[in-house]
Amino acid sequence: MLNPVETRPAANKSQLAHWLAQVLSQRGMRVKFQVRGNALHILCDGLPCPDQETVLSHLVPALEQIDLNQLMPDPSLYQAIVYGRALGQSRPNWTSTLQLHSPPPAPTPPTFDREPSTRPTPRATVVPSGELMLSNRSAAQRGAPDGIARYLSESLSALGVAVRVKVKSIPYPNRSPQSAPLKRLGIVCEANYSPDPTLISEPIAQKLRGLDLQDYRDAIVLIQVRGEAEPDWMLRVDLTPQSEMLREWARWGDAGAIDRLLKPTLADRGIQLDTTTLTDSTLHLCCRAGTKAPDREKTIEAIAPLLQRLGPQGLHRAAVYGLVADQEKSAWMEVLKLPAQEHPALADSAWTLAQKGDWERSRFCSIAF
């Protein structure tokens, strides 16, 4: 529901309403506003339609002099969307998106610790929506908490969900001392209602994983209904980079992961990997080069070193086939000996280890029901 801005707002009106009245209230123009998620929506009505350049010439300089989050501390505001509309019309004649920059809020206690931030002096800039999305994504990919929050709020603000992001370093025993410490994202999503988890969880997980953040282990997402003491529900998102996760699955003998790792290497040599299958402890790789059989030496040179480095769990050998189009029989075949043949610790498959009680390995098992 839009809140009208009166020329002389009552004493009990919000500070934001008072400020908008001072900045925008003019003869013949009516102003209304609404906060949804992390966005402030401002509607300017008039007859004729208020001039876009005139409205922005008043609003932008005023925003440069103030941090709106001092007037509206909860939730944090990341952008203002201004609409100009002729009285009696249902759709706006023009729309402008203002990117709001503000200093970091004071640290808040528990759950997550905010990293030091060096955000610019408060200001507002007019940004085309496409450019704004690119800017937010770029900042988010660098791991900046404010950038991640703005990036997520692009889709969540429309649902009336506000986002806050904090970062905390966490110990991880398997990391070498030379490695950078892993970090955890703390994401608090606030709304006046409890959103359907399916509307929130999947978009957040997809957007976060799409950033391919480095040195982040996971994200803890809390859904908080305003006014309630405890979060309504919680989600954990694994942020292991896709390349690292792929190698981990390949390391545990997953044929699909091995296929995805080998294909780019072979493609660089003009070789196509048709199929990758498993039979007991043997990996079968069928390759071709257009309609011809690929060069045997080049193919093995591409495949063998990668499989040796991976040392896939439970895979003792790899059978590599050179195929010719429209021929059932391969032009050549070569069997490679893999590290599992010589190292007892690699001999058993992830499935066998899970059956023996090593449940940590069960997540690398493909089970058909």
Protein backbone atom coordinates (compact mmCIF):
# COMPACT_ATOMS: atom_id res chain seq x y z
CA MET A 1 0.00 0.00 0.00
CA LEU A 2 1.39 3.40 -1.01
CA ASN A 3 1.76 6.00 1.74
CA PRO A 4 0.71 9.53 0.77
CA VAL A 5 3.16 12.36 1.45
CA GLU A 6 1.38 15.45 2.73
CA THR A 7 2.69 18.97 2.29
CA ARG A 8 2.46 19.41 6.07
CA PRO A 9 2.66 15.88 7.45
CA ALA A 10 1.25 15.22 10.91
CA ALA A 11 3.68 15.03 13.81
CA ASN A 12 3.26 11.26 14.07
CA LYS A 13 4.26 10.66 10.45
CA SER A 14 7.57 8.91 9.77
CA GLN A 15 10.82 10.81 9.34
CA LEU A 16 10.92 9.52 5.75
CA ALA A 17 7.50 11.05 5.03
CA HIS A 18 8.67 14.39 6.49
CA TRP A 19 11.83 14.33 4.37
CA LEU A 20 9.97 13.48 1.13
CA ALA A 21 7.48 16.28 1.83
CA GLN A 22 10.32 18.79 2.14
CA VAL A 23 12.06 17.58 -1.01
CA LEU A 24 9.25 16.75 -3.46
CA SER A 25 5.94 18.28 -2.41
CA GLN A 26 5.02 20.90 -5.01
CA ARG A 27 1.81 22.59 -6.13
CA GLY A 28 -0.02 20.28 -8.52
CA MET A 29 2.04 17.16 -7.65
CA ARG A 30 1.06 14.37 -5.26
CA VAL A 31 3.75 12.06 -3.81
CA LYS A 32 3.31 8.57 -2.38
CA PHE A 33 5.94 6.08 -1.24
CA GLN A 34 6.28 2.43 -0.25
CA VAL A 35 9.18 0.30 1.05
CA ARG A 36 9.34 -3.21 -0.39
CA GLY A 37 12.31 -5.34 0.58
CA ASN A 38 15.38 -3.12 0.23
CA ALA A 39 13.81 -0.74 -2.30
CA LEU A 40 12.05 2.58 -1.74
CA HIS A 41 9.32 3.18 -4.37
CA ILE A 42 8.31 6.82 -4.89
CA LEU A 43 5.28 7.68 -7.06
CA CYS A 44 4.85 11.26 -8.27
CA ASP A 45 1.34 12.02 -9.61
CA GLY A 46 0.33 15.19 -11.39
CA LEU A 47 -1.63 16.76 -14.21
CA PRO A 48 0.18 16.95 -16.47
CA CYS A 49 2.61 14.19 -15.54
CA PRO A 50 5.49 15.58 -13.41
CA ASP A 51 8.59 16.24 -15.48
CA GLN A 52 11.23 13.54 -14.94
CA GLU A 53 14.20 15.90 -15.13
CA THR A 54 12.62 18.35 -12.68
CA VAL A 55 11.78 15.65 -10.12
CA LEU A 56 15.27 14.14 -10.27
CA SER A 57 16.92 17.57 -10.09
CA HIS A 58 15.31 17.98 -6.66
CA LEU A 59 15.64 14.38 -5.44
CA VAL A 60 19.20 13.40 -6.41
CA PRO A 61 20.99 16.37 -4.76
CA ALA A 62 18.89 15.83 -1.63
CA LEU A 63 19.88 12.16 -1.53
CA GLU A 64 23.54 13.14 -1.84
CA GLN A 65 23.23 15.00 1.44
CA ILE A 66 21.55 12.30 3.52
CA ASP A 67 21.69 8.62 4.37
CA LEU A 68 18.11 7.36 4.04
CA ASN A 69 18.90 4.51 6.39
CA GLN A 70 19.03 7.07 9.19
CA LEU A 71 15.42 7.90 8.44
CA MET A 72 14.40 4.30 7.78
CA PRO A 73 16.87 2.11 9.68
CA ASP A 74 15.01 -1.15 9.13
CA PRO A 75 15.35 -2.49 6.49
CA SER A 76 18.47 -1.09 4.81
CA LEU A 77 17.62 0.68 1.55
CA TYR A 78 19.77 -0.16 -1.49
CA GLN A 79 17.87 1.65 -4.21
CA ALA A 80 15.05 4.13 -4.84
CA ILE A 81 12.72 3.64 -7.79
CA VAL A 82 10.95 6.84 -8.86
CA TYR A 83 7.82 6.85 -11.03
CA GLY A 84 6.13 9.74 -12.79
CA ARG A 85 2.45 9.34 -13.65
CA ALA A 86 -0.37 11.51 -14.97
CA LEU A 87 -3.36 11.70 -12.63
CA GLY A 88 -6.02 9.16 -13.53
CA GLN A 89 -3.59 6.85 -15.34
CA SER A 90 -2.82 3.31 -14.14
CA ARG A 91 0.71 3.06 -15.55
CA PRO A 92 3.66 5.41 -15.01
CA ASN A 93 4.88 7.60 -17.88
CA TRP A 94 8.51 7.23 -16.76
CA THR A 95 10.65 5.33 -14.26
CA SER A 96 14.12 6.07 -12.87
CA THR A 97 16.23 3.79 -10.66
CA LEU A 98 18.57 5.46 -8.18
CA GLN A 99 21.44 3.49 -6.71
CA LEU A 100 21.77 4.42 -3.02
CA HIS A 101 25.17 4.33 -1.32
CA SER A 102 25.38 4.61 2.42
CA PRO A 103 27.96 4.05 5.14
CA PRO A 104 27.99 0.63 6.82
CA PRO A 105 25.61 0.23 9.75
CA ALA A 106 27.05 -0.17 13.25
CA PRO A 107 28.05 -3.79 14.03
CA THR A 108 25.21 -5.86 15.42
CA PRO A 109 25.69 -8.68 17.91
CA PRO A 110 25.74 -12.44 17.41
CA THR A 111 25.44 -14.95 14.83
CA PHE A 112 27.73 -13.39 12.23
CA ASP A 113 30.58 -10.87 12.33
CA ARG A 114 30.70 -8.15 9.73
CA GLU A 115 33.95 -7.66 7.87
CA PRO A 116 35.44 -4.15 7.78
CA SER A 117 33.86 -2.12 5.01
CA THR A 118 34.98 1.00 3.18
CA ARG A 119 31.85 2.15 1.42
CA PRO A 120 31.74 5.57 -0.24
CA THR A 121 30.31 8.78 1.18
CA PRO A 122 26.46 8.76 0.99
CA ARG A 123 25.26 9.63 -2.48
CA ALA A 124 22.68 8.60 -5.07
CA THR A 125 23.28 7.96 -8.74
CA VAL A 126 20.84 7.40 -11.57
CA VAL A 127 21.62 3.98 -13.04
CA PRO A 128 19.90 2.09 -15.90
CA SER A 129 18.50 -1.18 -14.52
CA GLY A 130 20.73 -3.38 -16.72
CA GLU A 131 23.87 -1.49 -15.67
CA LEU A 132 22.76 -1.64 -12.03
CA MET A 133 22.41 -5.43 -12.16
CA LEU A 134 25.90 -5.77 -13.68
CA SER A 135 27.35 -3.49 -11.01
CA ASN A 136 25.69 -5.45 -8.19
CA ARG A 137 26.83 -8.77 -9.62
CA SER A 138 30.40 -7.54 -10.03
CA ALA A 139 30.56 -6.41 -6.38
CA ALA A 140 28.95 -9.69 -5.26
CA GLN A 141 31.52 -11.77 -7.19
CA ARG A 142 34.27 -9.99 -5.27
CA GLY A 143 32.69 -11.26 -2.04
CA ALA A 144 31.62 -7.81 -0.76
CA PRO A 145 28.77 -8.36 1.77
CA ASP A 146 26.95 -5.20 0.66
CA GLY A 147 27.30 -6.24 -2.99
CA ILE A 148 25.92 -9.71 -2.26
CA ALA A 149 22.98 -8.22 -0.36
CA ARG A 150 22.15 -5.83 -3.22
CA TYR A 151 22.53 -8.66 -5.76
CA LEU A 152 20.09 -10.91 -3.88
CA SER A 153 17.64 -8.08 -3.23
CA GLU A 154 17.18 -7.60 -7.00
CA SER A 155 14.82 -10.58 -7.01
CA LEU A 156 13.73 -10.71 -3.36
CA SER A 157 12.63 -7.07 -2.92
CA ALA A 158 9.72 -7.70 -5.31
CA LEU A 159 8.50 -10.31 -2.80
CA GLY A 160 8.71 -7.80 0.05
CA VAL A 161 11.80 -9.53 1.46
CA ALA A 162 14.71 -7.41 2.73
CA VAL A 163 18.24 -8.83 2.80
CA ARG A 164 21.20 -8.30 5.13
CA VAL A 165 24.54 -10.07 4.62
CA LYS A 166 27.47 -10.56 6.99
CA VAL A 167 30.70 -12.56 6.75
CA LYS A 168 32.48 -14.73 9.30
CA SER A 169 35.77 -16.64 9.01
CA ILE A 170 35.47 -20.26 10.11
CA PRO A 171 38.09 -22.88 11.00
CA TYR A 172 38.37 -25.80 8.60
CA PRO A 173 40.76 -28.55 9.74
CA ASN A 174 41.52 -29.96 6.29
CA ARG A 175 42.94 -26.67 4.95
CA SER A 176 46.69 -26.22 4.71
CA PRO A 177 48.27 -23.39 6.77
CA GLN A 178 49.15 -21.58 3.53
CA SER A 179 45.52 -21.51 2.34
CA ALA A 180 43.34 -18.48 2.89
CA PRO A 181 40.83 -19.00 5.73
CA LEU A 182 37.42 -20.12 4.59
CA LYS A 183 34.51 -17.78 5.17
CA ARG A 184 30.80 -18.21 5.80
CA LEU A 185 28.03 -15.93 4.57
CA GLY A 186 25.29 -15.06 7.02
CA ILE A 187 22.17 -13.98 5.12
CA VAL A 188 19.13 -12.70 6.99
CA CYS A 189 15.93 -12.36 4.94
CA GLU A 190 13.29 -10.26 6.71
CA ALA A 191 9.63 -9.95 5.76
CA ASN A 192 6.26 -9.15 7.30
CA TYR A 193 5.19 -12.73 6.59
CA SER A 194 6.77 -16.17 6.33
CA PRO A 195 7.66 -16.68 2.64
CA ASP A 196 7.14 -20.05 1.00
CA PRO A 197 10.56 -21.78 1.23
CA THR A 198 10.32 -22.86 -2.42
CA LEU A 199 10.06 -19.20 -3.50
CA ILE A 200 13.15 -18.17 -1.53
CA SER A 201 15.54 -21.08 -1.11
CA GLU A 202 16.09 -22.13 -4.73
CA PRO A 203 16.61 -18.60 -6.16
CA ILE A 204 19.06 -17.75 -3.36
CA ALA A 205 21.00 -21.00 -3.80
CA GLN A 206 21.19 -20.57 -7.59
CA LYS A 207 22.29 -16.93 -7.42
CA LEU A 208 24.94 -17.61 -4.78
CA ARG A 209 26.39 -20.65 -6.56
CA GLY A 210 26.37 -18.73 -9.84
CA LEU A 211 28.78 -16.19 -8.32
CA ASP A 212 31.42 -18.95 -7.93
CA LEU A 213 32.77 -17.24 -4.80
CA GLN A 214 36.33 -18.13 -3.82
CA ASP A 215 37.33 -19.00 -0.22
CA TYR A 216 33.71 -19.33 0.91
CA ARG A 217 32.63 -22.62 2.44
CA ASP A 218 28.88 -22.08 2.80
CA ALA A 219 26.04 -19.66 3.43
CA ILE A 220 23.53 -19.82 6.27
CA VAL A 221 20.23 -18.23 5.26
CA LEU A 222 17.80 -17.24 8.03
CA ILE A 223 14.19 -16.31 7.25
CA GLN A 224 13.02 -13.85 9.88
CA VAL A 225 9.44 -12.59 10.26
CA ARG A 226 9.52 -9.04 11.64
CA GLY A 227 8.44 -8.88 15.24
CA GLU A 228 9.23 -12.51 15.99
CA ALA A 229 12.11 -13.50 18.27
CA GLU A 230 13.28 -16.63 16.41
CA PRO A 231 13.91 -17.27 12.70
CA ASP A 232 11.06 -19.03 10.93
CA TRP A 233 13.35 -21.42 9.04
CA MET A 234 16.97 -21.82 8.00
CA LEU A 235 18.81 -22.97 4.88
CA ARG A 236 22.46 -23.99 4.37
CA VAL A 237 23.95 -23.51 0.89
CA ASP A 238 27.23 -25.24 0.00
CA LEU A 239 29.45 -22.65 -1.72
CA THR A 240 32.31 -24.92 -2.74
CA PRO A 241 33.38 -23.60 -6.19
CA GLN A 242 31.93 -25.69 -9.02
CA SER A 243 35.38 -26.60 -10.37
CA GLU A 244 36.52 -27.83 -6.96
CA MET A 245 33.28 -29.73 -6.39
CA LEU A 246 33.57 -31.36 -9.81
CA ARG A 247 37.12 -32.56 -9.10
CA GLU A 248 36.00 -33.92 -5.73
CA TRP A 249 33.25 -36.00 -7.34
CA ALA A 250 35.67 -37.18 -10.03
CA ARG A 251 38.19 -38.07 -7.33
CA TRP A 252 35.59 -40.42 -5.79
CA GLY A 253 34.99 -42.20 -9.09
CA ASP A 254 31.88 -40.43 -10.40
CA ALA A 255 31.72 -41.10 -14.17
CA GLY A 256 29.71 -37.95 -14.95
CA ALA A 257 32.24 -35.71 -13.20
CA ILE A 258 35.17 -37.42 -14.97
CA ASP A 259 33.33 -36.94 -18.29
CA ARG A 260 32.94 -33.19 -17.66
CA LEU A 261 36.61 -32.81 -16.72
CA LEU A 262 37.90 -34.72 -19.74
CA LYS A 263 35.71 -33.13 -22.43
CA PRO A 264 37.37 -29.66 -22.51
CA THR A 265 40.86 -31.20 -22.52
CA LEU A 266 39.99 -33.48 -25.43
CA ALA A 267 38.08 -30.75 -27.30
CA ASP A 268 41.25 -28.61 -27.33
CA ARG A 269 42.79 -31.40 -29.44
CA GLY A 270 39.80 -31.74 -31.76
CA ILE A 271 38.60 -34.94 -30.05
CA GLN A 272 35.02 -35.57 -28.99
CA LEU A 273 34.23 -37.70 -25.93
CA ASP A 274 31.03 -39.53 -26.87
CA THR A 275 30.29 -41.63 -23.78
CA THR A 276 31.77 -42.30 -20.36
CA THR A 277 30.50 -45.41 -18.57
CA LEU A 278 31.46 -47.68 -15.69
CA THR A 279 31.56 -51.48 -15.60
CA ASP A 280 32.59 -52.76 -12.19
CA SER A 281 36.04 -51.18 -11.65
CA THR A 282 36.64 -50.23 -15.30
CA LEU A 283 36.02 -46.79 -16.83
CA HIS A 284 35.05 -46.92 -20.53
CA LEU A 285 35.79 -43.82 -22.66
CA CYS A 286 34.54 -43.71 -26.26
CA CYS A 287 36.18 -41.01 -28.41
CA ARG A 288 35.91 -39.80 -32.02
CA ALA A 289 37.23 -37.00 -34.20
CA GLY A 290 34.38 -36.00 -36.49
CA THR A 291 33.67 -39.01 -38.70
CA LYS A 292 37.16 -40.44 -38.21
CA ALA A 293 38.90 -42.23 -35.39
CA PRO A 294 40.96 -39.83 -33.24
CA ASP A 295 44.72 -40.03 -33.21
CA ARG A 296 45.57 -42.70 -30.65
CA GLU A 297 48.66 -41.02 -29.21
CA LYS A 298 47.05 -37.58 -28.85
CA THR A 299 44.00 -39.11 -27.17
CA ILE A 300 45.99 -41.05 -24.59
CA GLU A 301 48.24 -38.04 -23.94
CA ALA A 302 45.14 -36.01 -23.06
CA ILE A 303 43.43 -38.63 -20.89
CA ALA A 304 46.18 -40.49 -19.01
CA PRO A 305 47.79 -37.61 -17.03
CA LEU A 306 44.43 -36.31 -15.76
CA LEU A 307 43.30 -39.77 -14.58
CA GLN A 308 46.67 -40.34 -12.89
CA ARG A 309 46.38 -37.04 -10.99
CA LEU A 310 42.78 -37.78 -9.96
CA GLY A 311 43.42 -41.37 -8.85
CA PRO A 312 39.64 -42.09 -8.94
CA GLN A 313 38.44 -44.18 -6.02
CA GLY A 314 37.57 -47.77 -6.94
CA LEU A 315 38.53 -47.46 -10.62
CA HIS A 316 41.39 -49.83 -11.49
CA ARG A 317 41.60 -49.31 -15.23
CA ALA A 318 40.34 -47.16 -18.07
CA ALA A 319 39.49 -48.61 -21.49
CA VAL A 320 39.82 -45.93 -24.18
CA TYR A 321 38.19 -46.54 -27.59
CA GLY A 322 38.79 -44.74 -30.89
CA LEU A 323 35.50 -44.76 -32.83
CA VAL A 324 34.72 -44.26 -36.50
CA ALA A 325 31.30 -42.94 -37.57
CA ASP A 326 28.78 -45.61 -38.62
CA GLN A 327 31.04 -48.46 -37.50
CA GLU A 328 30.10 -50.67 -34.56
CA LYS A 329 33.64 -51.85 -33.89
CA SER A 330 36.23 -49.38 -32.61
CA ALA A 331 39.28 -48.61 -34.75
CA TRP A 332 41.53 -49.05 -31.74
CA MET A 333 41.42 -49.63 -27.98
CA GLU A 334 43.94 -49.05 -25.20
CA VAL A 335 43.70 -50.01 -21.53
CA LEU A 336 45.26 -47.67 -18.97
CA LYS A 337 46.26 -48.84 -15.50
CA LEU A 338 44.96 -46.47 -12.80
CA PRO A 339 46.42 -45.78 -9.31
CA ALA A 340 43.71 -47.88 -7.57
CA GLN A 341 45.47 -51.01 -8.87
CA GLU A 342 48.57 -50.27 -6.82
CA HIS A 343 47.27 -48.35 -3.78
CA PRO A 344 45.03 -50.34 -1.39
CA ALA A 345 43.47 -47.14 0.00
CA LEU A 346 42.02 -46.42 -3.48
CA ALA A 347 40.92 -49.98 -4.27
CA ASP A 348 37.36 -49.89 -2.89
CA SER A 349 34.64 -47.81 -4.53
CA ALA A 350 32.79 -45.09 -2.62
CA TRP A 351 29.76 -47.42 -2.55
CA THR A 352 31.80 -50.25 -0.99
CA LEU A 353 33.26 -47.88 1.61
CA ALA A 354 29.76 -46.67 2.50
CA GLN A 355 28.60 -50.28 2.93
CA LYS A 356 31.50 -50.81 5.32
CA GLY A 357 30.24 -47.95 7.47
CA ASP A 358 32.16 -44.98 6.02
CA TRP A 359 29.04 -42.83 5.75
CA GLU A 360 31.02 -39.73 4.75
CA ARG A 361 31.53 -41.42 1.36
CA SER A 362 27.85 -42.22 0.84
CA ARG A 363 27.26 -38.74 -0.59
CA PHE A 364 29.45 -39.71 -3.56
CA CYS A 365 27.36 -42.80 -4.36
CA SER A 366 24.79 -42.81 -7.17
CA ILE A 367 21.84 -44.94 -6.07
CA ALA A 368 18.97 -45.91 -8.37
CA PHE A 369 15.53 -46.62 -6.87
